[in-house]
Protein backbone atom coordinates (compact mmCIF):
# COMPACT_ATOMS: atom_id res chain seq x y z
CA MET A 1 3.19 -6.36 10.38
CA GLU A 2 0.72 -3.64 11.21
CA LEU A 3 -2.63 -3.18 9.51
CA GLU A 4 -2.09 0.56 9.06
CA LYS A 5 1.19 -0.05 7.22
CA LEU A 6 -0.62 -2.46 4.91
CA ARG A 7 -3.30 0.17 4.25
CA LEU A 8 -0.63 2.71 3.31
CA PHE A 9 1.21 0.19 1.15
CA VAL A 10 -2.00 -0.69 -0.73
CA ALA A 11 -2.75 2.99 -1.28
CA ALA A 12 0.74 3.57 -2.68
CA ALA A 13 0.32 0.59 -5.00
CA GLU A 14 -3.11 1.69 -6.20
CA HIS A 15 -2.06 5.31 -6.74
CA ARG A 16 1.36 4.32 -8.14
CA GLY A 17 3.14 6.86 -5.96
CA PHE A 18 3.65 8.06 -2.42
CA SER A 19 2.44 11.61 -3.07
CA PRO A 20 -0.81 10.64 -4.82
CA ALA A 21 -1.51 8.09 -2.07
CA ALA A 22 -0.79 10.70 0.59
CA ARG A 23 -3.22 13.14 -1.04
CA ALA A 24 -5.92 10.47 -1.26
CA LEU A 25 -5.50 9.57 2.42
CA TYR A 26 -5.02 13.15 3.65
CA THR A 27 -1.60 12.35 5.08
CA SER A 28 1.99 13.17 4.19
CA HIS A 29 4.31 11.71 1.58
CA SER A 30 6.78 10.86 4.35
CA THR A 31 4.15 8.89 6.30
CA ILE A 32 3.54 6.66 3.28
CA SER A 33 7.24 6.37 2.49
CA ARG A 34 8.17 5.43 6.07
CA ALA A 35 5.42 2.79 6.24
CA VAL A 36 6.54 1.18 2.98
CA SER A 37 10.20 1.30 4.04
CA ALA A 38 9.30 -0.32 7.36
CA LEU A 39 7.46 -3.13 5.56
CA GLU A 40 10.39 -3.61 3.21
CA ASN A 41 12.80 -3.79 6.15
CA GLU A 42 10.53 -6.17 8.04
CA LEU A 43 10.15 -8.49 5.06
CA GLY A 44 13.68 -8.10 3.72
CA VAL A 45 12.52 -7.37 0.16
CA GLU A 46 11.79 -4.40 -2.07
CA LEU A 47 8.08 -3.97 -2.67
CA PHE A 48 8.31 -1.32 -5.39
CA TRP A 49 10.54 -0.39 -8.28
CA ARG A 50 10.96 3.36 -7.99
CA GLU A 51 11.44 5.17 -11.31
CA HIS A 52 10.86 8.87 -11.92
CA LYS A 53 8.50 9.15 -8.93
CA VAL A 54 6.32 6.34 -10.31
CA LEU A 55 6.02 3.12 -8.33
CA THR A 56 5.70 -0.31 -9.88
CA LEU A 57 5.19 -3.39 -7.74
CA THR A 58 7.97 -5.96 -7.65
CA GLN A 59 7.05 -9.65 -7.64
CA ALA A 60 7.12 -9.60 -3.83
CA GLY A 61 5.04 -6.42 -3.87
CA GLU A 62 2.42 -8.02 -6.09
CA LEU A 63 2.13 -10.99 -3.75
CA LEU A 64 1.82 -8.76 -0.70
CA TYR A 65 -0.64 -6.45 -2.46
CA GLU A 66 -3.13 -9.23 -3.15
CA ASP A 67 -2.94 -10.62 0.39
CA ALA A 68 -2.95 -7.16 1.97
CA LYS A 69 -6.21 -6.29 0.19
CA SER A 70 -7.76 -9.47 1.59
CA ILE A 71 -6.45 -8.79 5.10
CA ILE A 72 -7.76 -5.23 5.05
CA SER A 73 -11.14 -6.37 3.77
CA LEU A 74 -11.42 -8.98 6.51
CA ALA A 75 -10.39 -6.50 9.19
CA ASP A 76 -12.90 -3.92 7.95
CA SER A 77 -15.62 -6.56 7.87
CA ALA A 78 -14.86 -7.64 11.43
CA ILE A 79 -14.95 -4.02 12.62
CA GLU A 80 -18.34 -3.45 10.97
CA LYS A 81 -19.75 -6.64 12.53
CA ILE A 82 -18.56 -5.62 15.98
CA LYS A 83 -19.95 -2.11 15.59
CA GLY A 84 -23.26 -3.65 14.52
CA LEU A 85 -23.59 -5.38 17.88
CA SER A 86 -23.95 -2.14 19.79
């Protein structure tokens, strides 16, 4: 599981759609969609219910969302600490 895919997944969850997440991250809809699909394939579960272009987290998605936010926060913190050494 790659950190960047988790970042894209979290953005999709928070923006409740691939297109709004893509706009917020200055990337493409397909980049977000491919990252989420890759996570779903890797985990063997659906992470979102997709209805009328609006995303809603599944139970598995909710679990991953909470942990992904923590993982991203820890990674960002570690990066800032390392950068602070130089």
